[in-house]
C-alpha atoms as a PDB file:
ATOM      1  CA  UNK A   1     135.552 174.014 -48.524  1.00  0.00           C
ATOM      2  CA  UNK A   2     133.406 172.887 -51.450  1.00  0.00           C
ATOM      3  CA  UNK A   3     133.364 169.171 -52.200  1.00  0.00           C
ATOM      4  CA  UNK A   4     132.011 167.194 -55.152  1.00  0.00           C
ATOM      5  CA  UNK A   5     130.746 163.629 -54.768  1.00  0.00           C
ATOM      6  CA  UNK A   6     130.289 161.521 -57.893  1.00  0.00           C
ATOM      7  CA  UNK A   7     128.230 158.382 -58.393  1.00  0.00           C
ATOM      8  CA  UNK A   8     126.760 156.212 -61.134  1.00  0.00           C
ATOM      9  CA  UNK A   9     129.762 154.540 -62.694  1.00  0.00           C
ATOM     10  CA  UNK A  10     129.982 150.834 -63.306  1.00  0.00           C
ATOM     11  CA  UNK A  11     130.350 148.017 -65.804  1.00  0.00           C
ATOM     12  CA  UNK A  12     127.995 148.037 -68.782  1.00  0.00           C
ATOM     13  CA  UNK A  13     127.920 146.168 -72.119  1.00  0.00           C
ATOM     14  CA  UNK A  14     128.369 148.014 -75.398  1.00  0.00           C
ATOM     15  CA  UNK A  15     125.136 149.713 -76.414  1.00  0.00           C
ATOM     16  CA  UNK A  16     124.019 150.170 -72.834  1.00  0.00           C
ATOM     17  CA  UNK A  17     123.421 153.286 -70.763  1.00  0.00           C
ATOM     18  CA  UNK A  18     124.647 154.869 -67.547  1.00  0.00           C
ATOM     19  CA  UNK A  19     123.719 158.042 -65.703  1.00  0.00           C
ATOM     20  CA  UNK A  20     126.421 159.820 -63.719  1.00  0.00           C
ATOM     21  CA  UNK A  21     125.643 162.263 -60.926  1.00  0.00           C
ATOM     22  CA  UNK A  22     127.813 164.857 -59.206  1.00  0.00           C
ATOM     23  CA  UNK A  23     126.567 166.739 -56.150  1.00  0.00           C
ATOM     24  CA  UNK A  24     128.308 169.763 -54.666  1.00  0.00           C
ATOM     25  CA  UNK A  25     128.247 170.629 -50.987  1.00  0.00           C
ATOM     26  CA  UNK A  26     129.513 173.616 -49.032  1.00  0.00           C
ATOM     27  CA  UNK A  27     128.889 177.342 -48.827  1.00  0.00           C
ATOM     28  CA  UNK A  28     128.239 177.956 -52.514  1.00  0.00           C
ATOM     29  CA  UNK A  29     127.053 181.336 -53.709  1.00  0.00           C
ATOM     30  CA  UNK A  30     126.877 180.485 -57.396  1.00  0.00           C
ATOM     31  CA  UNK A  31     128.076 177.766 -59.757  1.00  0.00           C
ATOM     32  CA  UNK A  32     129.343 179.345 -62.953  1.00  0.00           C
ATOM     33  CA  UNK A  33     130.169 176.162 -64.840  1.00  0.00           C
ATOM     34  CA  UNK A  34     129.811 172.403 -64.578  1.00  0.00           C
ATOM     35  CA  UNK A  35     131.540 169.775 -66.639  1.00  0.00           C
ATOM     36  CA  UNK A  36     132.559 166.176 -67.070  1.00  0.00           C
ATOM     37  CA  UNK A  37     136.028 165.001 -68.055  1.00  0.00           C
ATOM     38  CA  UNK A  38     137.334 161.503 -68.598  1.00  0.00           C
ATOM     39  CA  UNK A  39     140.695 159.809 -68.626  1.00  0.00           C
ATOM     40  CA  UNK A  40     141.172 156.529 -70.468  1.00  0.00           C
ATOM     41  CA  UNK A  41     144.029 154.189 -69.526  1.00  0.00           C
ATOM     42  CA  UNK A  42     147.325 155.599 -70.769  1.00  0.00           C
ATOM     43  CA  UNK A  43     145.716 158.764 -72.163  1.00  0.00           C
ATOM     44  CA  UNK A  44     145.348 162.415 -71.166  1.00  0.00           C
ATOM     45  CA  UNK A  45     142.234 163.715 -69.480  1.00  0.00           C
ATOM     46  CA  UNK A  46     139.761 165.217 -71.951  1.00  0.00           C
ATOM     47  CA  UNK A  47     136.585 167.273 -71.819  1.00  0.00           C
ATOM     48  CA  UNK A  48     133.436 165.228 -72.393  1.00  0.00           C
ATOM     49  CA  UNK A  49     130.658 167.755 -71.775  1.00  0.00           C
ATOM     50  CA  UNK A  50     130.175 171.124 -70.106  1.00  0.00           C
ATOM     51  CA  UNK A  51     127.339 173.470 -69.221  1.00  0.00           C
ATOM     52  CA  UNK A  52     127.505 177.111 -68.133  1.00  0.00           C
ATOM     53  CA  UNK A  53     125.312 179.019 -65.709  1.00  0.00           C
ATOM     54  CA  UNK A  54     123.536 180.465 -68.744  1.00  0.00           C
ATOM     55  CA  UNK A  55     122.695 176.989 -70.032  1.00  0.00           C
ATOM     56  CA  UNK A  56     125.125 176.790 -72.937  1.00  0.00           C
ATOM     57  CA  UNK A  57     126.449 173.275 -73.546  1.00  0.00           C
ATOM     58  CA  UNK A  58     129.525 171.858 -75.214  1.00  0.00           C
ATOM     59  CA  UNK A  59     130.319 168.246 -76.113  1.00  0.00           C
ATOM     60  CA  UNK A  60     133.273 166.332 -77.412  1.00  0.00           C
ATOM     61  CA  UNK A  61     132.691 165.312 -81.022  1.00  0.00           C
ATOM     62  CA  UNK A  62     132.977 161.654 -80.057  1.00  0.00           C
ATOM     63  CA  UNK A  63     129.935 161.804 -77.746  1.00  0.00           C
ATOM     64  CA  UNK A  64     127.589 164.172 -79.593  1.00  0.00           C
ATOM     65  CA  UNK A  65     124.178 162.604 -80.065  1.00  0.00           C
ATOM     66  CA  UNK A  66     124.844 159.982 -77.394  1.00  0.00           C
ATOM     67  CA  UNK A  67     125.559 161.919 -74.177  1.00  0.00           C
ATOM     68  CA  UNK A  68     123.494 164.653 -72.540  1.00  0.00           C
ATOM     69  CA  UNK A  69     124.623 166.959 -69.748  1.00  0.00           C
ATOM     70  CA  UNK A  70     122.014 168.502 -67.465  1.00  0.00           C
ATOM     71  CA  UNK A  71     121.793 170.160 -64.071  1.00  0.00           C
ATOM     72  CA  UNK A  72     119.509 170.679 -61.101  1.00  0.00           C
ATOM     73  CA  UNK A  73     120.398 174.080 -59.685  1.00  0.00           C
ATOM     74  CA  UNK A  74     118.317 173.587 -56.531  1.00  0.00           C
ATOM     75  CA  UNK A  75     120.370 170.491 -55.683  1.00  0.00           C
ATOM     76  CA  UNK A  76     123.744 171.810 -56.912  1.00  0.00           C
ATOM     77  CA  UNK A  77     123.946 168.668 -59.012  1.00  0.00           C
ATOM     78  CA  UNK A  78     125.091 167.940 -62.548  1.00  0.00           C
ATOM     79  CA  UNK A  79     124.253 164.789 -64.501  1.00  0.00           C
ATOM     80  CA  UNK A  80     125.664 163.015 -67.511  1.00  0.00           C
ATOM     81  CA  UNK A  81     123.283 160.676 -69.321  1.00  0.00           C
ATOM     82  CA  UNK A  82     125.326 158.293 -71.455  1.00  0.00           C
ATOM     83  CA  UNK A  83     123.535 156.210 -74.086  1.00  0.00           C
ATOM     84  CA  UNK A  84     124.764 153.867 -76.812  1.00  0.00           C
ATOM     85  CA  UNK A  85     127.997 153.344 -74.925  1.00  0.00           C
ATOM     86  CA  UNK A  86     131.069 152.118 -76.762  1.00  0.00           C
ATOM     87  CA  UNK A  87     134.207 150.404 -75.451  1.00  0.00           C
ATOM     88  CA  UNK A  88     136.193 153.558 -76.251  1.00  0.00           C
ATOM     89  CA  UNK A  89     134.066 155.412 -73.683  1.00  0.00           C
ATOM     90  CA  UNK A  90     135.822 153.433 -70.951  1.00  0.00           C
ATOM     91  CA  UNK A  91     137.679 155.540 -68.414  1.00  0.00           C
ATOM     92  CA  UNK A  92     137.538 157.391 -65.138  1.00  0.00           C
ATOM     93  CA  UNK A  93     135.003 160.219 -65.310  1.00  0.00           C
ATOM     94  CA  UNK A  94     135.658 163.347 -63.267  1.00  0.00           C
ATOM     95  CA  UNK A  95     133.196 166.073 -62.381  1.00  0.00           C
ATOM     96  CA  UNK A  96     134.416 169.685 -62.406  1.00  0.00           C
ATOM     97  CA  UNK A  97     132.710 172.821 -61.184  1.00  0.00           C
ATOM     98  CA  UNK A  98     133.715 176.469 -61.107  1.00  0.00           C
ATOM     99  CA  UNK A  99     132.079 178.116 -58.105  1.00  0.00           C
ATOM    100  CA  UNK A 100     131.958 181.325 -56.089  1.00  0.00           C
ATOM    101  CA  UNK A 101     131.669 180.860 -52.323  1.00  0.00           C
ATOM    102  CA  UNK A 102     130.335 183.230 -49.692  1.00  0.00           C
ATOM    103  CA  UNK A 103     133.720 183.429 -47.978  1.00  0.00           C
ATOM    104  CA  UNK A 104     136.073 183.641 -50.955  1.00  0.00           C
ATOM    105  CA  UNK A 105     136.173 186.209 -53.740  1.00  0.00           C
ATOM    106  CA  UNK A 106     136.663 185.003 -57.275  1.00  0.00           C
ATOM    107  CA  UNK A 107     136.191 181.651 -58.957  1.00  0.00           C
ATOM    108  CA  UNK A 108     137.175 178.379 -57.317  1.00  0.00           C
ATOM    109  CA  UNK A 109     137.802 175.242 -59.363  1.00  0.00           C
ATOM    110  CA  UNK A 110     136.686 172.020 -57.673  1.00  0.00           C
ATOM    111  CA  UNK A 111     137.063 168.406 -58.860  1.00  0.00           C
ATOM    112  CA  UNK A 112     135.257 165.243 -57.882  1.00  0.00           C
ATOM    113  CA  UNK A 113     136.967 162.018 -56.877  1.00  0.00           C
ATOM    114  CA  UNK A 114     136.246 160.247 -60.163  1.00  0.00           C
ATOM    115  CA  UNK A 115     133.977 157.334 -61.000  1.00  0.00           C
ATOM    116  CA  UNK A 116     135.006 154.408 -63.192  1.00  0.00           C
ATOM    117  CA  UNK A 117     133.019 153.586 -66.318  1.00  0.00           C
ATOM    118  CA  UNK A 118     133.859 150.320 -68.053  1.00  0.00           C
ATOM    119  CA  UNK A 119     132.150 149.393 -71.327  1.00  0.00           C
ATOM    120  CA  UNK A 120     132.669 145.790 -72.354  1.00  0.00           C
ATOM    121  CA  UNK A 121     132.563 144.453 -75.902  1.00  0.00           C
END
């Protein structure tokens, strides 16, 4: 089974920065997509940033110019660099990957456990 472990969340003042990491482990043949989602208190989960195997990226309008998604393929790790943080960025951030394993045909969707980001005003 593939597992994702997230780290890097915490409490930061408005205008500050955080860097989230998400590392995948298991028998992974290829990772076709990586992404970050967040869920604010009382709200639905939303896409923050995503990157495909081909390197194409997508960002929520609210984070464009402030957040950057990147990956290290050798480490099966995806990062989210968050700068100029705002209180409305507060929420639980979840890592998502779509992978193909050696033992299972087809795509497998895997989620991390979530890491809390709190931006104070």
